[in-house]
Amino acid sequence: MAGPLKQHKALWVANTAWLAALATIALLLAPTFALMDILKLAAAAYVGQEAAHLITGEKTFQSTYIVKKSWPSLLLGTGLHSSNFQLNLSLL
């Protein structure tokens, strides 16, 4: 197996294991959270993801449509069903 491919597979395995652990923790903790706790976590996740994009210089999906006049309809049409938990199948 080539070096870069092996690194990608290792990254994919680590990412999958991390996501599985987070999903398990979420399933265990979610029933104990109040609505305000959930809203605080969602806000913290949003800010954290924005910070990661700023640090890496990566363009966000939101930045591609927020400059358009019709951004509310674009958000409702495409943004709300998007998930932050996506498998990067290109690493397979």
PDB file of N, CA and C in Angstrom:
ATOM      1  N   MET A   1       0.843  -1.171   0.000  1.00  0.00           N
ATOM      2  CA  MET A   1       0.000   0.000   0.000  1.00  0.00           C
ATOM      3  C   MET A   1       0.892   1.238   0.000  1.00  0.00           C
ATOM      4  N   ALA A   2       0.568   2.196  -0.848  1.00  0.00           N
ATOM      5  CA  ALA A   2       1.362   3.411  -0.965  1.00  0.00           C
ATOM      6  C   ALA A   2       1.243   4.253   0.299  1.00  0.00           C
ATOM      7  N   GLY A   3       2.262   5.065   0.551  1.00  0.00           N
ATOM      8  CA  GLY A   3       2.319   5.902   1.747  1.00  0.00           C
ATOM      9  C   GLY A   3       1.109   6.811   1.927  1.00  0.00           C
ATOM     10  N   PRO A   4       0.796   7.693   0.928  1.00  0.00           N
ATOM     11  CA  PRO A   4      -0.340   8.605   1.102  1.00  0.00           C
ATOM     12  C   PRO A   4      -1.672   7.876   1.272  1.00  0.00           C
ATOM     13  N   LEU A   5      -1.872   6.792   0.531  1.00  0.00           N
ATOM     14  CA  LEU A   5      -3.120   6.045   0.653  1.00  0.00           C
ATOM     15  C   LEU A   5      -3.244   5.443   2.044  1.00  0.00           C
ATOM     16  N   LYS A   6      -2.144   4.939   2.572  1.00  0.00           N
ATOM     17  CA  LYS A   6      -2.156   4.363   3.908  1.00  0.00           C
ATOM     18  C   LYS A   6      -2.476   5.436   4.948  1.00  0.00           C
ATOM     19  N   GLN A   7      -1.939   6.639   4.767  1.00  0.00           N
ATOM     20  CA  GLN A   7      -2.236   7.737   5.686  1.00  0.00           C
ATOM     21  C   GLN A   7      -3.705   8.128   5.610  1.00  0.00           C
ATOM     22  N   HIS A   8      -4.264   8.142   4.397  1.00  0.00           N
ATOM     23  CA  HIS A   8      -5.677   8.487   4.243  1.00  0.00           C
ATOM     24  C   HIS A   8      -6.568   7.452   4.912  1.00  0.00           C
ATOM     25  N   LYS A   9      -6.218   6.187   4.765  1.00  0.00           N
ATOM     26  CA  LYS A   9      -7.020   5.135   5.407  1.00  0.00           C
ATOM     27  C   LYS A   9      -6.933   5.244   6.924  1.00  0.00           C
ATOM     28  N   ALA A  10      -5.735   5.541   7.433  1.00  0.00           N
ATOM     29  CA  ALA A  10      -5.577   5.702   8.877  1.00  0.00           C
ATOM     30  C   ALA A  10      -6.392   6.886   9.376  1.00  0.00           C
ATOM     31  N   LEU A  11      -6.395   7.968   8.625  1.00  0.00           N
ATOM     32  CA  LEU A  11      -7.182   9.136   8.982  1.00  0.00           C
ATOM     33  C   LEU A  11      -8.670   8.808   8.937  1.00  0.00           C
ATOM     34  N   TRP A  12      -9.093   8.065   7.924  1.00  0.00           N
ATOM     35  CA  TRP A  12     -10.492   7.678   7.812  1.00  0.00           C
ATOM     36  C   TRP A  12     -10.904   6.803   9.002  1.00  0.00           C
ATOM     37  N   VAL A  13     -10.057   5.851   9.370  1.00  0.00           N
ATOM     38  CA  VAL A  13     -10.360   4.968  10.503  1.00  0.00           C
ATOM     39  C   VAL A  13     -10.440   5.782  11.798  1.00  0.00           C
ATOM     40  N   ALA A  14      -9.489   6.687  11.992  1.00  0.00           N
ATOM     41  CA  ALA A  14      -9.502   7.512  13.200  1.00  0.00           C
ATOM     42  C   ALA A  14     -10.737   8.405  13.238  1.00  0.00           C
ATOM     43  N   ASN A  15     -11.094   8.982  12.105  1.00  0.00           N
ATOM     44  CA  ASN A  15     -12.273   9.839  12.033  1.00  0.00           C
ATOM     45  C   ASN A  15     -13.545   9.038  12.312  1.00  0.00           C
ATOM     46  N   THR A  16     -13.633   7.852  11.760  1.00  0.00           N
ATOM     47  CA  THR A  16     -14.803   6.995  11.972  1.00  0.00           C
ATOM     48  C   THR A  16     -14.912   6.578  13.440  1.00  0.00           C
ATOM     49  N   ALA A  17     -13.800   6.223  14.052  1.00  0.00           N
ATOM     50  CA  ALA A  17     -13.810   5.837  15.467  1.00  0.00           C
ATOM     51  C   ALA A  17     -14.226   7.015  16.342  1.00  0.00           C
ATOM     52  N   TRP A  18     -13.708   8.203  16.034  1.00  0.00           N
ATOM     53  CA  TRP A  18     -14.053   9.401  16.803  1.00  0.00           C
ATOM     54  C   TRP A  18     -15.547   9.703  16.668  1.00  0.00           C
ATOM     55  N   LEU A  19     -16.064   9.622  15.455  1.00  0.00           N
ATOM     56  CA  LEU A  19     -17.481   9.889  15.220  1.00  0.00           C
ATOM     57  C   LEU A  19     -18.358   8.859  15.937  1.00  0.00           C
ATOM     58  N   ALA A  20     -17.956   7.608  15.941  1.00  0.00           N
ATOM     59  CA  ALA A  20     -18.709   6.570  16.643  1.00  0.00           C
ATOM     60  C   ALA A  20     -18.728   6.843  18.149  1.00  0.00           C
ATOM     61  N   ALA A  21     -17.591   7.268  18.679  1.00  0.00           N
ATOM     62  CA  ALA A  21     -17.524   7.585  20.108  1.00  0.00           C
ATOM     63  C   ALA A  21     -18.417   8.786  20.436  1.00  0.00           C
ATOM     64  N   LEU A  22     -18.379   9.824  19.592  1.00  0.00           N
ATOM     65  CA  LEU A  22     -19.219  10.994  19.825  1.00  0.00           C
ATOM     66  C   LEU A  22     -20.699  10.654  19.725  1.00  0.00           C
ATOM     67  N   ALA A  23     -21.047   9.813  18.775  1.00  0.00           N
ATOM     68  CA  ALA A  23     -22.444   9.410  18.625  1.00  0.00           C
ATOM     69  C   ALA A  23     -22.917   8.632  19.846  1.00  0.00           C
ATOM     70  N   THR A  24     -22.078   7.759  20.357  1.00  0.00           N
ATOM     71  CA  THR A  24     -22.417   6.982  21.551  1.00  0.00           C
ATOM     72  C   THR A  24     -22.613   7.888  22.757  1.00  0.00           C
ATOM     73  N   ILE A  25     -21.690   8.824  22.932  1.00  0.00           N
ATOM     74  CA  ILE A  25     -21.802   9.774  24.046  1.00  0.00           C
ATOM     75  C   ILE A  25     -23.070  10.613  23.904  1.00  0.00           C
ATOM     76  N   ALA A  26     -23.353  11.060  22.681  1.00  0.00           N
ATOM     77  CA  ALA A  26     -24.557  11.869  22.448  1.00  0.00           C
ATOM     78  C   ALA A  26     -25.819  11.079  22.786  1.00  0.00           C
ATOM     79  N   LEU A  27     -25.860   9.816  22.389  1.00  0.00           N
ATOM     80  CA  LEU A  27     -27.036   8.994  22.693  1.00  0.00           C
ATOM     81  C   LEU A  27     -27.223   8.800  24.190  1.00  0.00           C
ATOM     82  N   LEU A  28     -26.123   8.719  24.916  1.00  0.00           N
ATOM     83  CA  LEU A  28     -26.214   8.531  26.365  1.00  0.00           C
ATOM     84  C   LEU A  28     -26.567   9.823  27.098  1.00  0.00           C
ATOM     85  N   LEU A  29     -26.039  10.945  26.616  1.00  0.00           N
ATOM     86  CA  LEU A  29     -26.230  12.208  27.324  1.00  0.00           C
ATOM     87  C   LEU A  29     -27.465  12.999  26.893  1.00  0.00           C
ATOM     88  N   ALA A  30     -27.889  12.833  25.657  1.00  0.00           N
ATOM     89  CA  ALA A  30     -28.988  13.648  25.124  1.00  0.00           C
ATOM     90  C   ALA A  30     -30.252  13.635  25.997  1.00  0.00           C
ATOM     91  N   PRO A  31     -30.671  12.497  26.503  1.00  0.00           N
ATOM     92  CA  PRO A  31     -31.899  12.510  27.316  1.00  0.00           C
ATOM     93  C   PRO A  31     -31.770  13.322  28.608  1.00  0.00           C
ATOM     94  N   THR A  32     -30.546  13.600  29.043  1.00  0.00           N
ATOM     95  CA  THR A  32     -30.360  14.332  30.297  1.00  0.00           C
ATOM     96  C   THR A  32     -30.254  15.841  30.094  1.00  0.00           C
ATOM     97  N   PHE A  33     -30.194  16.305  28.852  1.00  0.00           N
ATOM     98  CA  PHE A  33     -30.005  17.728  28.577  1.00  0.00           C
ATOM     99  C   PHE A  33     -31.324  18.481  28.549  1.00  0.00           C
ATOM    100  N   ALA A  34     -31.288  19.685  29.087  1.00  0.00           N
ATOM    101  CA  ALA A  34     -32.421  20.608  28.976  1.00  0.00           C
ATOM    102  C   ALA A  34     -32.291  21.337  27.638  1.00  0.00           C
ATOM    103  N   LEU A  35     -33.341  22.004  27.227  1.00  0.00           N
ATOM    104  CA  LEU A  35     -33.347  22.714  25.954  1.00  0.00           C
ATOM    105  C   LEU A  35     -32.217  23.745  25.893  1.00  0.00           C
ATOM    106  N   MET A  36     -31.991  24.488  26.961  1.00  0.00           N
ATOM    107  CA  MET A  36     -30.930  25.508  26.964  1.00  0.00           C
ATOM    108  C   MET A  36     -29.553  24.875  26.792  1.00  0.00           C
ATOM    109  N   ASP A  37     -29.353  23.705  27.375  1.00  0.00           N
ATOM    110  CA  ASP A  37     -28.074  23.001  27.200  1.00  0.00           C
ATOM    111  C   ASP A  37     -27.849  22.664  25.734  1.00  0.00           C
ATOM    112  N   ILE A  38     -28.885  22.192  25.074  1.00  0.00           N
ATOM    113  CA  ILE A  38     -28.791  21.827  23.664  1.00  0.00           C
ATOM    114  C   ILE A  38     -28.501  23.057  22.811  1.00  0.00           C
ATOM    115  N   LEU A  39     -29.193  24.160  23.094  1.00  0.00           N
ATOM    116  CA  LEU A  39     -28.969  25.394  22.341  1.00  0.00           C
ATOM    117  C   LEU A  39     -27.552  25.932  22.548  1.00  0.00           C
ATOM    118  N   LYS A  40     -27.036  25.845  23.763  1.00  0.00           N
ATOM    119  CA  LYS A  40     -25.661  26.280  24.040  1.00  0.00           C
ATOM    120  C   LYS A  40     -24.656  25.412  23.286  1.00  0.00           C
ATOM    121  N   LEU A  41     -24.886  24.109  23.278  1.00  0.00           N
ATOM    122  CA  LEU A  41     -23.987  23.213  22.550  1.00  0.00           C
ATOM    123  C   LEU A  41     -24.020  23.479  21.048  1.00  0.00           C
ATOM    124  N   ALA A  42     -25.206  23.732  20.515  1.00  0.00           N
ATOM    125  CA  ALA A  42     -25.324  24.030  19.090  1.00  0.00           C
ATOM    126  C   ALA A  42     -24.585  25.327  18.753  1.00  0.00           C
ATOM    127  N   ALA A  43     -24.720  26.337  19.592  1.00  0.00           N
ATOM    128  CA  ALA A  43     -24.017  27.604  19.364  1.00  0.00           C
ATOM    129  C   ALA A  43     -22.503  27.409  19.459  1.00  0.00           C
ATOM    130  N   ALA A  44     -22.058  26.650  20.446  1.00  0.00           N
ATOM    131  CA  ALA A  44     -20.621  26.394  20.596  1.00  0.00           C
ATOM    132  C   ALA A  44     -20.078  25.621  19.402  1.00  0.00           C
ATOM    133  N   ALA A  45     -20.846  24.667  18.891  1.00  0.00           N
ATOM    134  CA  ALA A  45     -20.414  23.893  17.725  1.00  0.00           C
ATOM    135  C   ALA A  45     -20.307  24.783  16.498  1.00  0.00           C
ATOM    136  N   TYR A  46     -21.269  25.683  16.335  1.00  0.00           N
ATOM    137  CA  TYR A  46     -21.251  26.603  15.192  1.00  0.00           C
ATOM    138  C   TYR A  46     -20.028  27.516  15.255  1.00  0.00           C
ATOM    139  N   VAL A  47     -19.787  28.093  16.421  1.00  0.00           N
ATOM    140  CA  VAL A  47     -18.633  28.978  16.592  1.00  0.00           C
ATOM    141  C   VAL A  47     -17.331  28.204  16.395  1.00  0.00           C
ATOM    142  N   GLY A  48     -17.268  27.006  16.921  1.00  0.00           N
ATOM    143  CA  GLY A  48     -16.063  26.181  16.762  1.00  0.00           C
ATOM    144  C   GLY A  48     -15.790  25.842  15.312  1.00  0.00           C
ATOM    145  N   GLN A  49     -16.834  25.522  14.577  1.00  0.00           N
ATOM    146  CA  GLN A  49     -16.653  25.192  13.164  1.00  0.00           C
ATOM    147  C   GLN A  49     -16.235  26.426  12.369  1.00  0.00           C
ATOM    148  N   GLU A  50     -16.830  27.574  12.675  1.00  0.00           N
ATOM    149  CA  GLU A  50     -16.436  28.818  12.006  1.00  0.00           C
ATOM    150  C   GLU A  50     -14.974  29.138  12.304  1.00  0.00           C
ATOM    151  N   ALA A  51     -14.560  28.943  13.546  1.00  0.00           N
ATOM    152  CA  ALA A  51     -13.161  29.193  13.914  1.00  0.00           C
ATOM    153  C   ALA A  51     -12.222  28.264  13.150  1.00  0.00           C
ATOM    154  N   ALA A  52     -12.617  27.012  13.007  1.00  0.00           N
ATOM    155  CA  ALA A  52     -11.786  26.062  12.264  1.00  0.00           C
ATOM    156  C   ALA A  52     -11.639  26.492  10.813  1.00  0.00           C
ATOM    157  N   HIS A  53     -12.724  26.989  10.227  1.00  0.00           N
ATOM    158  CA  HIS A  53     -12.655  27.472   8.844  1.00  0.00           C
ATOM    159  C   HIS A  53     -11.763  28.700   8.734  1.00  0.00           C
ATOM    160  N   LEU A  54     -11.842  29.597   9.703  1.00  0.00           N
ATOM    161  CA  LEU A  54     -10.987  30.775   9.684  1.00  0.00           C
ATOM    162  C   LEU A  54      -9.512  30.397   9.827  1.00  0.00           C
ATOM    163  N   ILE A  55      -9.229  29.476  10.716  1.00  0.00           N
ATOM    164  CA  ILE A  55      -7.841  29.054  10.960  1.00  0.00           C
ATOM    165  C   ILE A  55      -7.249  28.382   9.729  1.00  0.00           C
ATOM    166  N   THR A  56      -8.039  27.539   9.084  1.00  0.00           N
ATOM    167  CA  THR A  56      -7.519  26.797   7.928  1.00  0.00           C
ATOM    168  C   THR A  56      -7.663  27.553   6.621  1.00  0.00           C
ATOM    169  N   GLY A  57      -8.455  28.632   6.626  1.00  0.00           N
ATOM    170  CA  GLY A  57      -8.674  29.381   5.398  1.00  0.00           C
ATOM    171  C   GLY A  57      -9.654  28.707   4.445  1.00  0.00           C
ATOM    172  N   GLU A  58     -10.347  27.710   4.932  1.00  0.00           N
ATOM    173  CA  GLU A  58     -11.302  26.978   4.105  1.00  0.00           C
ATOM    174  C   GLU A  58     -12.605  27.767   3.994  1.00  0.00           C
ATOM    175  N   LYS A  59     -13.190  27.770   2.808  1.00  0.00           N
ATOM    176  CA  LYS A  59     -14.448  28.457   2.569  1.00  0.00           C
ATOM    177  C   LYS A  59     -15.601  27.628   3.138  1.00  0.00           C
ATOM    178  N   THR A  60     -16.539  28.295   3.786  1.00  0.00           N
ATOM    179  CA  THR A  60     -17.697  27.588   4.333  1.00  0.00           C
ATOM    180  C   THR A  60     -18.806  27.507   3.304  1.00  0.00           C
ATOM    181  N   PHE A  61     -19.678  26.539   3.454  1.00  0.00           N
ATOM    182  CA  PHE A  61     -20.836  26.414   2.568  1.00  0.00           C
ATOM    183  C   PHE A  61     -21.726  27.635   2.722  1.00  0.00           C
ATOM    184  N   GLN A  62     -21.902  28.088   3.949  1.00  0.00           N
ATOM    185  CA  GLN A  62     -22.756  29.237   4.211  1.00  0.00           C
ATOM    186  C   GLN A  62     -22.238  30.480   3.488  1.00  0.00           C
ATOM    187  N   SER A  63     -20.932  30.650   3.408  1.00  0.00           N
ATOM    188  CA  SER A  63     -20.368  31.846   2.768  1.00  0.00           C
ATOM    189  C   SER A  63     -20.640  31.880   1.266  1.00  0.00           C
ATOM    190  N   THR A  64     -21.023  30.751   0.679  1.00  0.00           N
ATOM    191  CA  THR A  64     -21.293  30.731  -0.757  1.00  0.00           C
ATOM    192  C   THR A  64     -22.671  31.275  -1.094  1.00  0.00           C
ATOM    193  N   TYR A  65     -23.595  31.298  -0.134  1.00  0.00           N
ATOM    194  CA  TYR A  65     -24.934  31.794  -0.444  1.00  0.00           C
ATOM    195  C   TYR A  65     -25.355  32.991   0.406  1.00  0.00           C
ATOM    196  N   ILE A  66     -24.660  33.315   1.476  1.00  0.00           N
ATOM    197  CA  ILE A  66     -25.096  34.375   2.374  1.00  0.00           C
ATOM    198  C   ILE A  66     -25.020  35.754   1.708  1.00  0.00           C
ATOM    199  N   VAL A  67     -24.197  35.907   0.664  1.00  0.00           N
ATOM    200  CA  VAL A  67     -24.069  37.200  -0.019  1.00  0.00           C
ATOM    201  C   VAL A  67     -25.205  37.448  -1.011  1.00  0.00           C
ATOM    202  N   LYS A  68     -25.980  36.442  -1.310  1.00  0.00           N
ATOM    203  CA  LYS A  68     -27.079  36.581  -2.266  1.00  0.00           C
ATOM    204  C   LYS A  68     -28.326  37.130  -1.567  1.00  0.00           C
ATOM    205  N   LYS A  69     -29.122  37.894  -2.312  1.00  0.00           N
ATOM    206  CA  LYS A  69     -30.338  38.464  -1.739  1.00  0.00           C
ATOM    207  C   LYS A  69     -31.338  37.386  -1.319  1.00  0.00           C
ATOM    208  N   SER A  70     -31.307  36.278  -1.985  1.00  0.00           N
ATOM    209  CA  SER A  70     -32.272  35.205  -1.699  1.00  0.00           C
ATOM    210  C   SER A  70     -31.731  34.196  -0.689  1.00  0.00           C
ATOM    211  N   TRP A  71     -30.766  34.608   0.153  1.00  0.00           N
ATOM    212  CA  TRP A  71     -30.148  33.638   1.055  1.00  0.00           C
ATOM    213  C   TRP A  71     -31.121  32.979   2.025  1.00  0.00           C
ATOM    214  N   PRO A  72     -32.190  33.658   2.512  1.00  0.00           N
ATOM    215  CA  PRO A  72     -33.101  32.920   3.407  1.00  0.00           C
ATOM    216  C   PRO A  72     -33.745  31.709   2.734  1.00  0.00           C
ATOM    217  N   SER A  73     -34.152  31.866   1.484  1.00  0.00           N
ATOM    218  CA  SER A  73     -34.763  30.724   0.800  1.00  0.00           C
ATOM    219  C   SER A  73     -33.721  29.660   0.479  1.00  0.00           C
ATOM    220  N   LEU A  74     -32.495  30.093   0.211  1.00  0.00           N
ATOM    221  CA  LEU A  74     -31.436  29.108  -0.029  1.00  0.00           C
ATOM    222  C   LEU A  74     -31.115  28.337   1.241  1.00  0.00           C
ATOM    223  N   LEU A  75     -31.121  29.039   2.372  1.00  0.00           N
ATOM    224  CA  LEU A  75     -30.879  28.368   3.651  1.00  0.00           C
ATOM    225  C   LEU A  75     -31.951  27.333   3.931  1.00  0.00           C
ATOM    226  N   LEU A  76     -33.209  27.736   3.739  1.00  0.00           N
ATOM    227  CA  LEU A  76     -34.312  26.810   4.000  1.00  0.00           C
ATOM    228  C   LEU A  76     -34.345  25.670   2.993  1.00  0.00           C
ATOM    229  N   GLY A  77     -33.916  25.938   1.774  1.00  0.00           N
ATOM    230  CA  GLY A  77     -33.958  24.916   0.739  1.00  0.00           C
ATOM    231  C   GLY A  77     -32.823  23.932   0.797  1.00  0.00           C
ATOM    232  N   THR A  78     -31.657  24.364   1.265  1.00  0.00           N
ATOM    233  CA  THR A  78     -30.501  23.464   1.220  1.00  0.00           C
ATOM    234  C   THR A  78     -29.774  23.336   2.548  1.00  0.00           C
ATOM    235  N   GLY A  79     -29.785  24.371   3.361  1.00  0.00           N
ATOM    236  CA  GLY A  79     -28.941  24.382   4.548  1.00  0.00           C
ATOM    237  C   GLY A  79     -29.427  23.550   5.700  1.00  0.00           C
ATOM    238  N   LEU A  80     -30.740  23.515   5.917  1.00  0.00           N
ATOM    239  CA  LEU A  80     -31.231  22.858   7.114  1.00  0.00           C
ATOM    240  C   LEU A  80     -31.156  21.344   7.048  1.00  0.00           C
ATOM    241  N   HIS A  81     -31.155  20.780   5.856  1.00  0.00           N
ATOM    242  CA  HIS A  81     -31.067  19.323   5.802  1.00  0.00           C
ATOM    243  C   HIS A  81     -29.632  18.849   5.619  1.00  0.00           C
ATOM    244  N   SER A  82     -28.688  19.784   5.508  1.00  0.00           N
ATOM    245  CA  SER A  82     -27.289  19.397   5.426  1.00  0.00           C
ATOM    246  C   SER A  82     -26.828  18.938   6.796  1.00  0.00           C
ATOM    247  N   SER A  83     -25.896  18.063   6.805  1.00  0.00           N
ATOM    248  CA  SER A  83     -25.394  17.535   8.066  1.00  0.00           C
ATOM    249  C   SER A  83     -23.925  17.845   8.215  1.00  0.00           C
ATOM    250  N   ASN A  84     -23.510  18.168   9.434  1.00  0.00           N
ATOM    251  CA  ASN A  84     -22.087  18.361   9.693  1.00  0.00           C
ATOM    252  C   ASN A  84     -21.355  17.034   9.756  1.00  0.00           C
ATOM    253  N   PHE A  85     -22.107  15.952   9.902  1.00  0.00           N
ATOM    254  CA  PHE A  85     -21.499  14.634   9.985  1.00  0.00           C
ATOM    255  C   PHE A  85     -21.537  13.973   8.617  1.00  0.00           C
ATOM    256  N   GLN A  86     -20.492  14.186   7.854  1.00  0.00           N
ATOM    257  CA  GLN A  86     -20.413  13.613   6.522  1.00  0.00           C
ATOM    258  C   GLN A  86     -19.184  12.733   6.434  1.00  0.00           C
ATOM    259  N   LEU A  87     -19.362  11.580   5.818  1.00  0.00           N
ATOM    260  CA  LEU A  87     -18.215  10.720   5.590  1.00  0.00           C
ATOM    261  C   LEU A  87     -17.461  11.214   4.369  1.00  0.00           C
ATOM    262  N   ASN A  88     -16.179  11.316   4.479  1.00  0.00           N
ATOM    263  CA  ASN A  88     -15.378  11.735   3.350  1.00  0.00           C
ATOM    264  C   ASN A  88     -14.982  10.490   2.592  1.00  0.00           C
ATOM    265  N   LEU A  89     -15.798  10.122   1.618  1.00  0.00           N
ATOM    266  CA  LEU A  89     -15.590   8.882   0.897  1.00  0.00           C
ATOM    267  C   LEU A  89     -14.382   8.945  -0.024  1.00  0.00           C
ATOM    268  N   SER A  90     -13.863  10.153  -0.274  1.00  0.00           N
ATOM    269  CA  SER A  90     -12.690  10.251  -1.119  1.00  0.00           C
ATOM    270  C   SER A  90     -11.457   9.664  -0.430  1.00  0.00           C
ATOM    271  N   LEU A  91     -11.535   9.458   0.879  1.00  0.00           N
ATOM    272  CA  LEU A  91     -10.398   8.892   1.602  1.00  0.00           C
ATOM    273  C   LEU A  91     -10.362   7.369   1.508  1.00  0.00           C
ATOM    274  N   LEU A  92     -11.428   6.766   1.013  1.00  0.00           N
ATOM    275  CA  LEU A  92     -11.458   5.301   0.912  1.00  0.00           C
ATOM    276  C   LEU A  92     -10.534   4.790  -0.160  1.00  0.00           C
TER     277      LEU A  92
END
